[in-house]
């Protein structure tokens, strides 16, 4: 039995049925069930969020596969709604939501999270799950958190931590930590930032005008191969010395992946509210 099927035995049977409607994808070297694994991880993380059946939830950074959107639609129920905000990359979003049976519960919105197209306190909860690392800088994170606090009485943030408790998590971090350097070396811009420490994430929430209500760490026993990217991409780095350095680091990281696999690091979660 796969790790995914083993984990599914312990979750709500209704969500397990939904997850089995999510398509298997052919994206080597990822396993065909990678999307289902990622959605199950989001579901487990969202158990820590104050998501109420029948509520309206804003999701910041839904991504092109609706990885957190599907479990959110399940958790908010038939009378709930998810406003899914994404800047530009919708990809397979609508197709996946349709196959999961949740197309009618989701309102996709294209926009910038620093200027949310919503009135104050117009949603019950605003959240960002594994999207903080894509916000490019800490000042942008503060802007986004401030906007989330404007439109919702509470916010929920979840992001992987730069912590490893086993070799498979260390392998993930070795490969993932190359992504920011790769983007900087090839485009001059940041993307897929290094994971933040839990304490730093709480400090940024405070800078945005929020008060942390709860802060905890969640362990997820699932594979996480999304850090992987093709070695050939590094060959586009123009500086020879930098290119060779990154290629050598990639080779070490890839060797660790082959030896140990790749698992989700611990996830830091925070629930916060506007300060008075």
Protein backbone atom coordinates (compact mmCIF):
# COMPACT_ATOMS: atom_id res chain seq x y z
CA UNK A 1 0.00 0.00 0.00
CA UNK A 2 1.35 3.46 -0.92
CA UNK A 3 1.97 6.14 1.70
CA UNK A 4 -0.90 8.11 0.19
CA UNK A 5 -3.37 5.23 0.60
CA UNK A 6 -2.13 4.60 4.13
CA UNK A 7 -2.71 8.24 5.07
CA UNK A 8 -6.14 8.29 3.40
CA UNK A 9 -7.30 5.56 5.78
CA UNK A 10 -7.13 8.11 8.59
CA UNK A 11 -9.01 11.03 6.99
CA UNK A 12 -12.66 11.83 6.39
CA UNK A 13 -14.08 9.28 3.95
CA UNK A 14 -15.83 12.06 2.01
CA UNK A 15 -12.56 13.85 1.37
CA UNK A 16 -10.87 10.57 0.45
CA UNK A 17 -13.54 10.08 -2.24
CA UNK A 18 -12.98 13.60 -3.54
CA UNK A 19 -9.23 13.08 -3.67
CA UNK A 20 -9.63 9.95 -5.77
CA UNK A 21 -11.46 12.06 -8.37
CA UNK A 22 -8.39 14.28 -8.74
CA UNK A 23 -6.51 13.22 -11.89
CA UNK A 24 -3.23 11.36 -11.88
CA UNK A 25 -0.65 13.43 -13.76
CA UNK A 26 2.26 12.45 -15.97
CA UNK A 27 5.02 14.84 -14.87
CA UNK A 28 8.25 12.82 -14.50
CA UNK A 29 10.20 12.58 -12.27
CA UNK A 30 7.16 13.22 -10.04
CA UNK A 31 5.03 10.21 -9.15
CA UNK A 32 1.63 10.15 -10.91
CA UNK A 33 -0.17 10.69 -7.57
CA UNK A 34 1.90 13.78 -6.61
CA UNK A 35 -1.09 16.13 -6.87
CA UNK A 36 -3.22 13.93 -4.62
CA UNK A 37 -0.35 13.79 -2.08
CA UNK A 38 -0.02 17.56 -2.08
CA UNK A 39 -3.77 18.04 -1.64
CA UNK A 40 -3.79 15.61 1.26
CA UNK A 41 -0.94 17.56 2.87
CA UNK A 42 -2.94 20.80 2.50
CA UNK A 43 -5.98 19.09 4.00
CA UNK A 44 -3.95 18.00 7.02
CA UNK A 45 -2.49 21.48 7.47
CA UNK A 46 -5.92 23.09 7.11
CA UNK A 47 -7.14 21.07 10.09
CA UNK A 48 -5.32 23.74 12.13
CA UNK A 49 -7.20 26.63 10.46
CA UNK A 50 -10.43 28.17 11.79
CA UNK A 51 -12.38 27.13 8.69
CA UNK A 52 -16.11 26.98 9.45
CA UNK A 53 -18.68 25.05 7.43
CA UNK A 54 -20.70 27.53 5.35
CA UNK A 55 -18.12 30.33 5.61
CA UNK A 56 -16.55 32.44 2.87
CA UNK A 57 -12.78 32.08 2.70
CA UNK A 58 -10.21 34.02 0.70
CA UNK A 59 -7.30 31.94 -0.53
CA UNK A 60 -4.25 33.99 -1.49
CA UNK A 61 -2.12 32.24 -4.11
CA UNK A 62 -4.29 29.35 -5.27
CA UNK A 63 -1.80 28.30 -7.95
CA UNK A 64 -2.40 26.51 -11.22
CA UNK A 65 -3.57 23.21 -9.68
CA UNK A 66 -5.86 24.37 -6.85
CA UNK A 67 -3.83 22.30 -4.40
CA UNK A 68 -5.31 23.94 -1.30
CA UNK A 69 -8.50 25.04 -3.05
CA UNK A 70 -9.96 21.53 -3.29
CA UNK A 71 -9.61 20.74 0.43
CA UNK A 72 -10.87 24.25 1.26
CA UNK A 73 -13.99 23.70 -0.84
CA UNK A 74 -14.58 20.42 0.99
CA UNK A 75 -14.11 22.01 4.42
CA UNK A 76 -16.37 25.02 3.77
CA UNK A 77 -19.12 22.70 2.53
CA UNK A 78 -21.98 23.07 0.09
CA UNK A 79 -23.06 26.45 1.46
CA UNK A 80 -19.51 27.80 1.75
CA UNK A 81 -17.52 29.69 -0.85
CA UNK A 82 -13.84 30.06 -1.66
CA UNK A 83 -12.53 33.21 -3.32
CA UNK A 84 -9.34 31.96 -4.99
CA UNK A 85 -6.86 34.71 -5.81
CA UNK A 86 -4.01 34.13 -8.24
CA UNK A 87 -1.83 36.66 -10.01
CA UNK A 88 -1.62 35.03 -13.43
CA UNK A 89 -0.91 31.29 -13.54
CA UNK A 90 -4.23 29.43 -13.63
CA UNK A 91 -2.95 26.37 -15.55
CA UNK A 92 -5.18 23.35 -14.90
CA UNK A 93 -7.11 25.06 -12.10
CA UNK A 94 -10.60 24.98 -13.63
CA UNK A 95 -10.18 21.48 -15.03
CA UNK A 96 -9.13 20.06 -11.67
CA UNK A 97 -11.88 21.87 -9.76
CA UNK A 98 -14.43 20.50 -12.23
CA UNK A 99 -13.20 16.92 -11.84
CA UNK A 100 -13.29 17.26 -8.06
CA UNK A 101 -16.89 18.48 -8.33
CA UNK A 102 -16.23 21.92 -6.80
CA UNK A 103 -16.29 24.28 -9.77
CA UNK A 104 -19.49 26.00 -8.58
CA UNK A 105 -18.15 26.68 -5.07
CA UNK A 106 -15.08 28.58 -6.23
CA UNK A 107 -14.79 32.17 -7.41
CA UNK A 108 -11.45 32.59 -9.24
CA UNK A 109 -10.08 36.14 -9.13
CA UNK A 110 -7.00 37.38 -10.96
CA UNK A 111 -5.23 40.13 -9.04
CA UNK A 112 -2.41 41.37 -6.83
CA UNK A 113 -2.59 40.31 -3.18
CA UNK A 114 -1.18 43.70 -2.17
CA UNK A 115 -4.39 45.31 -3.46
CA UNK A 116 -7.18 42.84 -2.81
CA UNK A 117 -10.38 43.58 -4.75
CA UNK A 118 -12.49 43.14 -1.60
CA UNK A 119 -14.12 45.46 0.92
CA UNK A 120 -13.11 45.45 4.61
CA UNK A 121 -14.20 42.35 6.55
CA UNK A 122 -15.95 40.94 3.48
CA UNK A 123 -14.75 37.36 4.08
CA UNK A 124 -14.74 35.23 7.22
CA UNK A 125 -11.13 34.11 6.90
CA UNK A 126 -8.16 34.90 4.66
CA UNK A 127 -5.40 32.35 4.29
CA UNK A 128 -2.21 31.59 2.44
CA UNK A 129 -1.00 27.99 2.43
CA UNK A 130 2.47 27.34 1.00
CA UNK A 131 2.31 30.58 -0.97
CA UNK A 132 4.34 32.82 1.32
CA UNK A 133 7.59 31.61 -0.27
CA UNK A 134 6.45 33.05 -3.62
CA UNK A 135 5.97 36.63 -2.36
CA UNK A 136 9.55 37.61 -3.34
CA UNK A 137 10.52 39.72 -0.32
CA UNK A 138 9.67 40.33 3.33
CA UNK A 139 8.27 43.86 2.65
CA UNK A 140 5.86 42.31 0.13
CA UNK A 141 4.86 39.70 2.71
CA UNK A 142 4.01 42.48 5.16
CA UNK A 143 1.91 44.27 2.52
CA UNK A 144 0.00 41.08 1.72
CA UNK A 145 -0.59 40.18 5.37
CA UNK A 146 -1.86 43.74 6.02
CA UNK A 147 -4.34 43.39 3.14
CA UNK A 148 -5.48 40.00 4.39
CA UNK A 149 -6.08 41.50 7.84
CA UNK A 150 -8.09 44.31 6.22
CA UNK A 151 -10.57 42.01 4.48
CA UNK A 152 -10.92 39.32 7.17
CA UNK A 153 -11.17 39.29 10.98
CA UNK A 154 -8.68 36.41 11.11
CA UNK A 155 -5.92 35.11 8.87
CA UNK A 156 -4.25 31.72 8.63
CA UNK A 157 -0.69 31.30 7.33
CA UNK A 158 1.11 28.04 6.65
CA UNK A 159 4.57 27.52 5.21
CA UNK A 160 7.30 24.90 5.29
CA UNK A 161 10.06 25.53 7.80
CA UNK A 162 13.83 25.35 7.19
CA UNK A 163 13.98 22.36 9.52
CA UNK A 164 14.64 18.68 8.85
CA UNK A 165 14.16 15.80 11.26
CA UNK A 166 15.07 13.00 8.80
CA UNK A 167 17.21 12.44 5.71
CA UNK A 168 14.29 12.71 3.26
CA UNK A 169 13.41 16.17 4.60
CA UNK A 170 17.07 17.18 4.41
CA UNK A 171 17.14 16.04 0.77
CA UNK A 172 14.12 18.22 0.02
CA UNK A 173 15.75 21.27 1.61
CA UNK A 174 19.01 20.74 -0.30
CA UNK A 175 17.17 20.81 -3.64
CA UNK A 176 14.65 23.49 -2.68
CA UNK A 177 17.30 25.92 -1.44
CA UNK A 178 18.74 26.05 -4.97
CA UNK A 179 15.61 27.63 -6.39
CA UNK A 180 16.09 31.16 -5.07
CA UNK A 181 19.73 31.19 -6.22
CA UNK A 182 18.70 29.88 -9.64
CA UNK A 183 16.12 32.62 -10.18
CA UNK A 184 18.48 35.33 -8.98
CA UNK A 185 21.32 34.09 -11.19
CA UNK A 186 19.20 33.78 -14.34
CA UNK A 187 16.60 36.57 -14.06
CA UNK A 188 18.03 38.93 -11.45
CA UNK A 189 14.80 38.52 -9.46
CA UNK A 190 13.77 36.42 -6.50
CA UNK A 191 11.16 33.70 -6.54
CA UNK A 192 10.59 30.63 -4.38
CA UNK A 193 12.29 32.26 -1.41
CA UNK A 194 14.08 30.29 1.28
CA UNK A 195 11.68 29.07 3.93
CA UNK A 196 11.23 31.42 6.89
CA UNK A 197 11.72 30.47 10.51
CA UNK A 198 8.46 30.34 12.49
CA UNK A 199 9.55 33.20 14.75
CA UNK A 200 10.31 35.45 11.76
CA UNK A 201 6.92 34.76 10.21
CA UNK A 202 5.26 35.87 13.45
CA UNK A 203 7.34 39.05 13.47
CA UNK A 204 6.19 39.90 9.94
CA UNK A 205 2.57 39.38 10.97
CA UNK A 206 3.12 41.87 13.81
CA UNK A 207 4.66 44.38 11.38
CA UNK A 208 1.48 44.06 9.30
CA UNK A 209 -0.67 45.02 12.30
CA UNK A 210 -1.65 41.55 13.41
CA UNK A 211 -1.66 39.73 16.73
CA UNK A 212 -0.67 36.07 16.67
CA UNK A 213 -3.37 34.00 18.37
CA UNK A 214 -1.83 30.56 17.86
CA UNK A 215 1.49 29.36 16.47
CA UNK A 216 2.43 25.71 16.06
CA UNK A 217 4.36 23.24 13.96
CA UNK A 218 2.66 20.44 12.00
CA UNK A 219 4.46 17.27 10.92
CA UNK A 220 3.25 15.70 7.67
CA UNK A 221 4.32 12.18 6.73
CA UNK A 222 4.05 12.54 2.95
CA UNK A 223 6.46 12.80 0.01
CA UNK A 224 7.16 16.26 -1.39
CA UNK A 225 8.95 16.27 -4.74
CA UNK A 226 7.95 19.73 -5.99
CA UNK A 227 11.34 21.22 -5.14
CA UNK A 228 12.88 19.30 -8.04
CA UNK A 229 13.80 21.12 -11.23
CA UNK A 230 15.84 19.95 -14.27
CA UNK A 231 19.61 20.28 -14.04
CA UNK A 232 19.79 21.69 -17.57
CA UNK A 233 18.08 24.89 -16.39
CA UNK A 234 21.22 25.76 -14.45
CA UNK A 235 23.23 25.76 -17.65
CA UNK A 236 21.59 29.08 -18.52
CA UNK A 237 23.47 30.82 -15.66
CA UNK A 238 25.90 33.11 -17.47
CA UNK A 239 28.59 33.50 -14.82
CA UNK A 240 30.84 30.40 -15.22
CA UNK A 241 31.95 30.23 -11.60
CA UNK A 242 28.41 30.63 -10.30
CA UNK A 243 27.12 28.10 -12.82
CA UNK A 244 29.62 25.44 -11.77
CA UNK A 245 28.89 26.06 -8.10
CA UNK A 246 25.14 25.63 -8.60
CA UNK A 247 25.61 22.54 -10.78
CA UNK A 248 27.76 20.93 -8.10
CA UNK A 249 25.16 21.72 -5.44
CA UNK A 250 22.40 20.31 -7.67
CA UNK A 251 24.37 17.08 -8.11
CA UNK A 252 24.76 16.70 -4.34
CA UNK A 253 21.07 17.40 -3.79
CA UNK A 254 20.01 14.95 -6.49
CA UNK A 255 22.18 12.25 -4.97
CA UNK A 256 20.45 12.76 -1.62
CA UNK A 257 17.05 12.52 -3.33
CA UNK A 258 18.01 9.20 -4.90
CA UNK A 259 19.32 7.86 -1.60
CA UNK A 260 16.56 9.05 0.73
CA UNK A 261 13.58 10.27 -1.30
CA UNK A 262 12.05 13.63 -0.48
CA UNK A 263 9.56 14.44 2.29
CA UNK A 264 7.64 17.49 3.45
CA UNK A 265 9.57 19.45 6.07
CA UNK A 266 7.63 20.45 9.17
CA UNK A 267 5.05 23.16 8.46
CA UNK A 268 4.69 26.28 10.58
CA UNK A 269 1.11 27.52 10.99
CA UNK A 270 -0.11 30.80 12.44
CA UNK A 271 -3.59 32.13 13.19
CA UNK A 272 -3.69 35.89 13.67
CA UNK A 273 -6.19 38.73 14.07
CA UNK A 274 -6.08 42.49 13.64
CA UNK A 275 -4.55 44.31 16.58
CA UNK A 276 -6.86 46.74 18.37
